Amino acid sequence: MVRKKTEKNKDTEPKKPCGRKQQTHQANQMASDGSTETSDQRKDLFNSMMPMIMMIMMMAIIAPMLKRTAQNDEGLKGQ
């Protein structure tokens, strides 16, 4: 009475992924024109530069905040 799992799997076709992921994957395949070597070099360069870029951006955000707090501390000491 109980069906074997192998028989059930043979009858059904494997499910194909649908939706957005499949569309973007297909678009990426079509967009590649064989210049993967240069894109890999750019990707490696970008990945190696990312820590320095992030550090510079963090300092650009934090420096004005530190400057304000230092000015506020000097103003409190003067009183």
PDB file of N, CA and C in Angstrom:
ATOM      1  N   MET A   1       0.806  -1.193   0.000  1.00  0.00           N
ATOM      2  CA  MET A   1       0.000   0.000   0.000  1.00  0.00           C
ATOM      3  C   MET A   1       0.858   1.269   0.000  1.00  0.00           C
ATOM      4  N   VAL A   2       1.969   1.241   0.701  1.00  0.00           N
ATOM      5  CA  VAL A   2       2.817   2.420   0.783  1.00  0.00           C
ATOM      6  C   VAL A   2       3.690   2.492  -0.461  1.00  0.00           C
ATOM      7  N   ARG A   3       3.666   3.673  -1.109  1.00  0.00           N
ATOM      8  CA  ARG A   3       4.501   3.851  -2.298  1.00  0.00           C
ATOM      9  C   ARG A   3       5.958   4.045  -1.908  1.00  0.00           C
ATOM     10  N   LYS A   4       6.805   3.567  -2.746  1.00  0.00           N
ATOM     11  CA  LYS A   4       8.223   3.820  -2.515  1.00  0.00           C
ATOM     12  C   LYS A   4       8.556   5.235  -2.977  1.00  0.00           C
ATOM     13  N   LYS A   5       9.480   5.865  -2.291  1.00  0.00           N
ATOM     14  CA  LYS A   5       9.845   7.238  -2.636  1.00  0.00           C
ATOM     15  C   LYS A   5      10.484   7.319  -4.016  1.00  0.00           C
ATOM     16  N   THR A   6      11.213   6.301  -4.413  1.00  0.00           N
ATOM     17  CA  THR A   6      11.872   6.339  -5.713  1.00  0.00           C
ATOM     18  C   THR A   6      10.850   6.346  -6.839  1.00  0.00           C
ATOM     19  N   GLU A   7       9.768   5.608  -6.683  1.00  0.00           N
ATOM     20  CA  GLU A   7       8.747   5.595  -7.724  1.00  0.00           C
ATOM     21  C   GLU A   7       8.090   6.962  -7.846  1.00  0.00           C
ATOM     22  N   LYS A   8       7.849   7.602  -6.750  1.00  0.00           N
ATOM     23  CA  LYS A   8       7.193   8.904  -6.750  1.00  0.00           C
ATOM     24  C   LYS A   8       8.093   9.943  -7.424  1.00  0.00           C
ATOM     25  N   ASN A   9       9.371   9.896  -7.156  1.00  0.00           N
ATOM     26  CA  ASN A   9      10.292  10.859  -7.738  1.00  0.00           C
ATOM     27  C   ASN A   9      10.438  10.666  -9.245  1.00  0.00           C
ATOM     28  N   LYS A  10      10.326   9.456  -9.726  1.00  0.00           N
ATOM     29  CA  LYS A  10      10.451   9.203 -11.156  1.00  0.00           C
ATOM     30  C   LYS A  10       9.273   9.780 -11.924  1.00  0.00           C
ATOM     31  N   ASP A  11       8.104   9.769 -11.318  1.00  0.00           N
ATOM     32  CA  ASP A  11       6.899  10.241 -11.993  1.00  0.00           C
ATOM     33  C   ASP A  11       6.874  11.760 -12.125  1.00  0.00           C
ATOM     34  N   THR A  12       7.411  12.465 -11.150  1.00  0.00           N
ATOM     35  CA  THR A  12       7.336  13.927 -11.160  1.00  0.00           C
ATOM     36  C   THR A  12       8.622  14.515 -11.721  1.00  0.00           C
ATOM     37  N   GLU A  13       8.473  15.648 -12.398  1.00  0.00           N
ATOM     38  CA  GLU A  13       9.642  16.345 -12.928  1.00  0.00           C
ATOM     39  C   GLU A  13      10.227  17.227 -11.832  1.00  0.00           C
ATOM     40  N   PRO A  14      11.521  17.470 -11.837  1.00  0.00           N
ATOM     41  CA  PRO A  14      12.101  18.363 -10.825  1.00  0.00           C
ATOM     42  C   PRO A  14      11.564  19.782 -10.998  1.00  0.00           C
ATOM     43  N   LYS A  15      11.366  20.463  -9.881  1.00  0.00           N
ATOM     44  CA  LYS A  15      10.822  21.823  -9.927  1.00  0.00           C
ATOM     45  C   LYS A  15      11.889  22.781 -10.435  1.00  0.00           C
ATOM     46  N   LYS A  16      11.448  23.703 -11.267  1.00  0.00           N
ATOM     47  CA  LYS A  16      12.351  24.720 -11.779  1.00  0.00           C
ATOM     48  C   LYS A  16      12.172  25.983 -10.939  1.00  0.00           C
ATOM     49  N   PRO A  17      13.265  26.680 -10.621  1.00  0.00           N
ATOM     50  CA  PRO A  17      13.118  27.919  -9.846  1.00  0.00           C
ATOM     51  C   PRO A  17      12.415  28.969 -10.690  1.00  0.00           C
ATOM     52  N   CYS A  18      11.533  29.708 -10.062  1.00  0.00           N
ATOM     53  CA  CYS A  18      10.837  30.759 -10.791  1.00  0.00           C
ATOM     54  C   CYS A  18      10.921  32.049  -9.994  1.00  0.00           C
ATOM     55  N   GLY A  19      10.614  33.120 -10.641  1.00  0.00           N
ATOM     56  CA  GLY A  19      10.617  34.392  -9.946  1.00  0.00           C
ATOM     57  C   GLY A  19      11.800  35.253 -10.312  1.00  0.00           C
ATOM     58  N   ARG A  20      12.125  36.147  -9.423  1.00  0.00           N
ATOM     59  CA  ARG A  20      13.120  37.174  -9.676  1.00  0.00           C
ATOM     60  C   ARG A  20      14.542  36.621  -9.798  1.00  0.00           C
ATOM     61  N   LYS A  21      14.887  35.657  -8.977  1.00  0.00           N
ATOM     62  CA  LYS A  21      16.262  35.132  -9.010  1.00  0.00           C
ATOM     63  C   LYS A  21      16.587  34.527 -10.366  1.00  0.00           C
ATOM     64  N   GLN A  22      15.634  33.806 -10.929  1.00  0.00           N
ATOM     65  CA  GLN A  22      15.877  33.184 -12.221  1.00  0.00           C
ATOM     66  C   GLN A  22      16.048  34.249 -13.298  1.00  0.00           C
ATOM     67  N   GLN A  23      15.254  35.307 -13.239  1.00  0.00           N
ATOM     68  CA  GLN A  23      15.344  36.349 -14.240  1.00  0.00           C
ATOM     69  C   GLN A  23      16.688  37.063 -14.178  1.00  0.00           C
ATOM     70  N   THR A  24      17.149  37.384 -12.983  1.00  0.00           N
ATOM     71  CA  THR A  24      18.424  38.084 -12.876  1.00  0.00           C
ATOM     72  C   THR A  24      19.568  37.183 -13.307  1.00  0.00           C
ATOM     73  N   HIS A  25      19.477  35.898 -13.006  1.00  0.00           N
ATOM     74  CA  HIS A  25      20.523  34.964 -13.404  1.00  0.00           C
ATOM     75  C   HIS A  25      20.599  34.885 -14.926  1.00  0.00           C
ATOM     76  N   GLN A  26      19.445  34.825 -15.584  1.00  0.00           N
ATOM     77  CA  GLN A  26      19.430  34.765 -17.033  1.00  0.00           C
ATOM     78  C   GLN A  26      19.976  36.062 -17.626  1.00  0.00           C
ATOM     79  N   ALA A  27      19.616  37.189 -17.036  1.00  0.00           N
ATOM     80  CA  ALA A  27      20.095  38.470 -17.548  1.00  0.00           C
ATOM     81  C   ALA A  27      21.609  38.564 -17.411  1.00  0.00           C
ATOM     82  N   ASN A  28      22.159  38.056 -16.315  1.00  0.00           N
ATOM     83  CA  ASN A  28      23.611  38.094 -16.132  1.00  0.00           C
ATOM     84  C   ASN A  28      24.311  37.218 -17.157  1.00  0.00           C
ATOM     85  N   GLN A  29      23.722  36.083 -17.477  1.00  0.00           N
ATOM     86  CA  GLN A  29      24.329  35.210 -18.468  1.00  0.00           C
ATOM     87  C   GLN A  29      24.338  35.877 -19.841  1.00  0.00           C
ATOM     88  N   MET A  30      23.257  36.556 -20.189  1.00  0.00           N
ATOM     89  CA  MET A  30      23.186  37.205 -21.486  1.00  0.00           C
ATOM     90  C   MET A  30      24.123  38.398 -21.566  1.00  0.00           C
ATOM     91  N   ALA A  31      24.297  39.099 -20.460  1.00  0.00           N
ATOM     92  CA  ALA A  31      25.104  40.310 -20.459  1.00  0.00           C
ATOM     93  C   ALA A  31      26.595  40.013 -20.583  1.00  0.00           C
ATOM     94  N   SER A  32      27.027  38.830 -20.207  1.00  0.00           N
ATOM     95  CA  SER A  32      28.458  38.529 -20.276  1.00  0.00           C
ATOM     96  C   SER A  32      28.876  38.402 -21.736  1.00  0.00           C
ATOM     97  N   ASP A  33      29.897  39.176 -22.103  1.00  0.00           N
ATOM     98  CA  ASP A  33      30.342  39.191 -23.491  1.00  0.00           C
ATOM     99  C   ASP A  33      31.735  38.580 -23.635  1.00  0.00           C
ATOM    100  N   GLY A  34      32.148  37.804 -22.645  1.00  0.00           N
ATOM    101  CA  GLY A  34      33.441  37.159 -22.740  1.00  0.00           C
ATOM    102  C   GLY A  34      34.568  37.948 -22.123  1.00  0.00           C
ATOM    103  N   SER A  35      34.304  39.105 -21.570  1.00  0.00           N
ATOM    104  CA  SER A  35      35.354  39.915 -20.956  1.00  0.00           C
ATOM    105  C   SER A  35      35.377  39.677 -19.451  1.00  0.00           C
ATOM    106  N   THR A  36      35.374  38.427 -19.068  1.00  0.00           N
ATOM    107  CA  THR A  36      35.352  38.099 -17.640  1.00  0.00           C
ATOM    108  C   THR A  36      36.692  38.394 -16.991  1.00  0.00           C
ATOM    109  N   GLU A  37      37.745  38.362 -17.767  1.00  0.00           N
ATOM    110  CA  GLU A  37      39.072  38.590 -17.194  1.00  0.00           C
ATOM    111  C   GLU A  37      39.195  40.002 -16.642  1.00  0.00           C
ATOM    112  N   THR A  38      38.733  40.990 -17.395  1.00  0.00           N
ATOM    113  CA  THR A  38      38.835  42.369 -16.923  1.00  0.00           C
ATOM    114  C   THR A  38      37.883  42.621 -15.767  1.00  0.00           C
ATOM    115  N   SER A  39      36.696  42.022 -15.815  1.00  0.00           N
ATOM    116  CA  SER A  39      35.747  42.230 -14.717  1.00  0.00           C
ATOM    117  C   SER A  39      36.271  41.573 -13.439  1.00  0.00           C
ATOM    118  N   ASP A  40      36.952  40.433 -13.568  1.00  0.00           N
ATOM    119  CA  ASP A  40      37.534  39.786 -12.389  1.00  0.00           C
ATOM    120  C   ASP A  40      38.629  40.663 -11.788  1.00  0.00           C
ATOM    121  N   GLN A  41      39.424  41.295 -12.626  1.00  0.00           N
ATOM    122  CA  GLN A  41      40.482  42.175 -12.131  1.00  0.00           C
ATOM    123  C   GLN A  41      39.880  43.370 -11.404  1.00  0.00           C
ATOM    124  N   ARG A  42      38.829  43.932 -11.970  1.00  0.00           N
ATOM    125  CA  ARG A  42      38.169  45.073 -11.326  1.00  0.00           C
ATOM    126  C   ARG A  42      37.543  44.653 -10.011  1.00  0.00           C
ATOM    127  N   LYS A  43      36.956  43.473 -10.007  1.00  0.00           N
ATOM    128  CA  LYS A  43      36.329  42.971  -8.785  1.00  0.00           C
ATOM    129  C   LYS A  43      37.370  42.755  -7.697  1.00  0.00           C
ATOM    130  N   ASP A  44      38.493  42.174  -8.060  1.00  0.00           N
ATOM    131  CA  ASP A  44      39.570  41.950  -7.085  1.00  0.00           C
ATOM    132  C   ASP A  44      40.114  43.278  -6.554  1.00  0.00           C
ATOM    133  N   LEU A  45      40.284  44.247  -7.448  1.00  0.00           N
ATOM    134  CA  LEU A  45      40.778  45.560  -7.034  1.00  0.00           C
ATOM    135  C   LEU A  45      39.794  46.216  -6.080  1.00  0.00           C
ATOM    136  N   PHE A  46      38.514  46.165  -6.428  1.00  0.00           N
ATOM    137  CA  PHE A  46      37.497  46.772  -5.575  1.00  0.00           C
ATOM    138  C   PHE A  46      37.465  46.103  -4.210  1.00  0.00           C
ATOM    139  N   ASN A  47      37.536  44.758  -4.190  1.00  0.00           N
ATOM    140  CA  ASN A  47      37.515  44.035  -2.912  1.00  0.00           C
ATOM    141  C   ASN A  47      38.737  44.354  -2.062  1.00  0.00           C
ATOM    142  N   SER A  48      39.881  44.558  -2.692  1.00  0.00           N
ATOM    143  CA  SER A  48      41.075  44.870  -1.914  1.00  0.00           C
ATOM    144  C   SER A  48      41.047  46.309  -1.402  1.00  0.00           C
ATOM    145  N   MET A  49      40.372  47.201  -2.120  1.00  0.00           N
ATOM    146  CA  MET A  49      40.305  48.602  -1.709  1.00  0.00           C
ATOM    147  C   MET A  49      39.181  48.875  -0.713  1.00  0.00           C
ATOM    148  N   MET A  50      38.245  47.960  -0.575  1.00  0.00           N
ATOM    149  CA  MET A  50      37.057  48.205   0.240  1.00  0.00           C
ATOM    150  C   MET A  50      37.372  48.562   1.694  1.00  0.00           C
ATOM    151  N   PRO A  51      38.281  47.883   2.391  1.00  0.00           N
ATOM    152  CA  PRO A  51      38.548  48.279   3.785  1.00  0.00           C
ATOM    153  C   PRO A  51      39.038  49.720   3.914  1.00  0.00           C
ATOM    154  N   MET A  52      39.908  50.142   2.982  1.00  0.00           N
ATOM    155  CA  MET A  52      40.418  51.508   3.047  1.00  0.00           C
ATOM    156  C   MET A  52      39.306  52.512   2.750  1.00  0.00           C
ATOM    157  N   ILE A  53      38.464  52.206   1.787  1.00  0.00           N
ATOM    158  CA  ILE A  53      37.349  53.092   1.452  1.00  0.00           C
ATOM    159  C   ILE A  53      36.421  53.240   2.651  1.00  0.00           C
ATOM    160  N   MET A  54      36.111  52.134   3.304  1.00  0.00           N
ATOM    161  CA  MET A  54      35.218  52.176   4.467  1.00  0.00           C
ATOM    162  C   MET A  54      35.840  52.977   5.607  1.00  0.00           C
ATOM    163  N   MET A  55      37.147  52.824   5.813  1.00  0.00           N
ATOM    164  CA  MET A  55      37.823  53.552   6.885  1.00  0.00           C
ATOM    165  C   MET A  55      37.794  55.058   6.621  1.00  0.00           C
ATOM    166  N   ILE A  56      38.038  55.457   5.384  1.00  0.00           N
ATOM    167  CA  ILE A  56      38.014  56.883   5.040  1.00  0.00           C
ATOM    168  C   ILE A  56      36.608  57.445   5.224  1.00  0.00           C
ATOM    169  N   MET A  57      35.595  56.701   4.813  1.00  0.00           N
ATOM    170  CA  MET A  57      34.221  57.176   4.966  1.00  0.00           C
ATOM    171  C   MET A  57      33.834  57.293   6.439  1.00  0.00           C
ATOM    172  N   MET A  58      34.265  56.339   7.241  1.00  0.00           N
ATOM    173  CA  MET A  58      33.951  56.407   8.673  1.00  0.00           C
ATOM    174  C   MET A  58      34.630  57.620   9.308  1.00  0.00           C
ATOM    175  N   MET A  59      35.878  57.892   8.935  1.00  0.00           N
ATOM    176  CA  MET A  59      36.564  59.061   9.484  1.00  0.00           C
ATOM    177  C   MET A  59      35.900  60.355   9.036  1.00  0.00           C
ATOM    178  N   ALA A  60      35.414  60.398   7.792  1.00  0.00           N
ATOM    179  CA  ALA A  60      34.732  61.591   7.297  1.00  0.00           C
ATOM    180  C   ALA A  60      33.443  61.840   8.071  1.00  0.00           C
ATOM    181  N   ILE A  61      32.802  60.788   8.519  1.00  0.00           N
ATOM    182  CA  ILE A  61      31.568  60.940   9.298  1.00  0.00           C
ATOM    183  C   ILE A  61      31.872  61.282  10.749  1.00  0.00           C
ATOM    184  N   ILE A  62      32.887  60.634  11.315  1.00  0.00           N
ATOM    185  CA  ILE A  62      33.162  60.775  12.748  1.00  0.00           C
ATOM    186  C   ILE A  62      33.944  62.049  13.079  1.00  0.00           C
ATOM    187  N   ALA A  63      34.820  62.514  12.182  1.00  0.00           N
ATOM    188  CA  ALA A  63      35.673  63.672  12.475  1.00  0.00           C
ATOM    189  C   ALA A  63      34.886  64.917  12.877  1.00  0.00           C
ATOM    190  N   PRO A  64      33.839  65.303  12.168  1.00  0.00           N
ATOM    191  CA  PRO A  64      33.084  66.492  12.609  1.00  0.00           C
ATOM    192  C   PRO A  64      32.429  66.303  13.985  1.00  0.00           C
ATOM    193  N   MET A  65      31.997  65.084  14.260  1.00  0.00           N
ATOM    194  CA  MET A  65      31.403  64.818  15.582  1.00  0.00           C
ATOM    195  C   MET A  65      32.441  64.992  16.683  1.00  0.00           C
ATOM    196  N   LEU A  66      33.644  64.491  16.452  1.00  0.00           N
ATOM    197  CA  LEU A  66      34.705  64.631  17.447  1.00  0.00           C
ATOM    198  C   LEU A  66      35.103  66.088  17.626  1.00  0.00           C
ATOM    199  N   LYS A  67      35.112  66.830  16.532  1.00  0.00           N
ATOM    200  CA  LYS A  67      35.461  68.236  16.602  1.00  0.00           C
ATOM    201  C   LYS A  67      34.449  68.995  17.457  1.00  0.00           C
ATOM    202  N   ARG A  68      33.162  68.705  17.265  1.00  0.00           N
ATOM    203  CA  ARG A  68      32.120  69.364  18.058  1.00  0.00           C
ATOM    204  C   ARG A  68      32.234  69.031  19.529  1.00  0.00           C
ATOM    205  N   THR A  69      32.486  67.766  19.842  1.00  0.00           N
ATOM    206  CA  THR A  69      32.595  67.388  21.252  1.00  0.00           C
ATOM    207  C   THR A  69      33.816  68.034  21.895  1.00  0.00           C
ATOM    208  N   ALA A  70      34.911  68.159  21.135  1.00  0.00           N
ATOM    209  CA  ALA A  70      36.107  68.806  21.684  1.00  0.00           C
ATOM    210  C   ALA A  70      35.824  70.279  21.947  1.00  0.00           C
ATOM    211  N   GLN A  71      35.108  70.935  21.059  1.00  0.00           N
ATOM    212  CA  GLN A  71      34.757  72.348  21.278  1.00  0.00           C
ATOM    213  C   GLN A  71      33.833  72.490  22.483  1.00  0.00           C
ATOM    214  N   ASN A  72      32.898  71.589  22.633  1.00  0.00           N
ATOM    215  CA  ASN A  72      31.987  71.647  23.774  1.00  0.00           C
ATOM    216  C   ASN A  72      32.729  71.431  25.078  1.00  0.00           C
ATOM    217  N   ASP A  73      33.706  70.541  25.099  1.00  0.00           N
ATOM    218  CA  ASP A  73      34.501  70.294  26.310  1.00  0.00           C
ATOM    219  C   ASP A  73      35.303  71.539  26.691  1.00  0.00           C
ATOM    220  N   GLU A  74      35.894  72.213  25.684  1.00  0.00           N
ATOM    221  CA  GLU A  74      36.655  73.430  25.964  1.00  0.00           C
ATOM    222  C   GLU A  74      35.748  74.527  26.509  1.00  0.00           C
ATOM    223  N   GLY A  75      34.543  74.600  25.969  1.00  0.00           N
ATOM    224  CA  GLY A  75      33.596  75.603  26.447  1.00  0.00           C
ATOM    225  C   GLY A  75      33.166  75.336  27.867  1.00  0.00           C
ATOM    226  N   LEU A  76      33.019  74.077  28.264  1.00  0.00           N
ATOM    227  CA  LEU A  76      32.627  73.747  29.625  1.00  0.00           C
ATOM    228  C   LEU A  76      33.779  74.010  30.610  1.00  0.00           C
ATOM    229  N   LYS A  77      35.026  73.774  30.161  1.00  0.00           N
ATOM    230  CA  LYS A  77      36.172  74.004  31.037  1.00  0.00           C
ATOM    231  C   LYS A  77      36.368  75.502  31.314  1.00  0.00           C
ATOM    232  N   GLY A  78      36.059  76.345  30.325  1.00  0.00           N
ATOM    233  CA  GLY A  78      36.242  77.768  30.447  1.00  0.00           C
ATOM    234  C   GLY A  78      35.263  78.410  31.441  1.00  0.00           C
ATOM    235  N   GLN A  79      34.171  77.764  31.710  1.00  0.00           N
ATOM    236  CA  GLN A  79      33.164  78.363  32.611  1.00  0.00           C
ATOM    237  C   GLN A  79      33.480  78.202  34.021  1.00  0.00           C
TER     238      GLN A  79
END
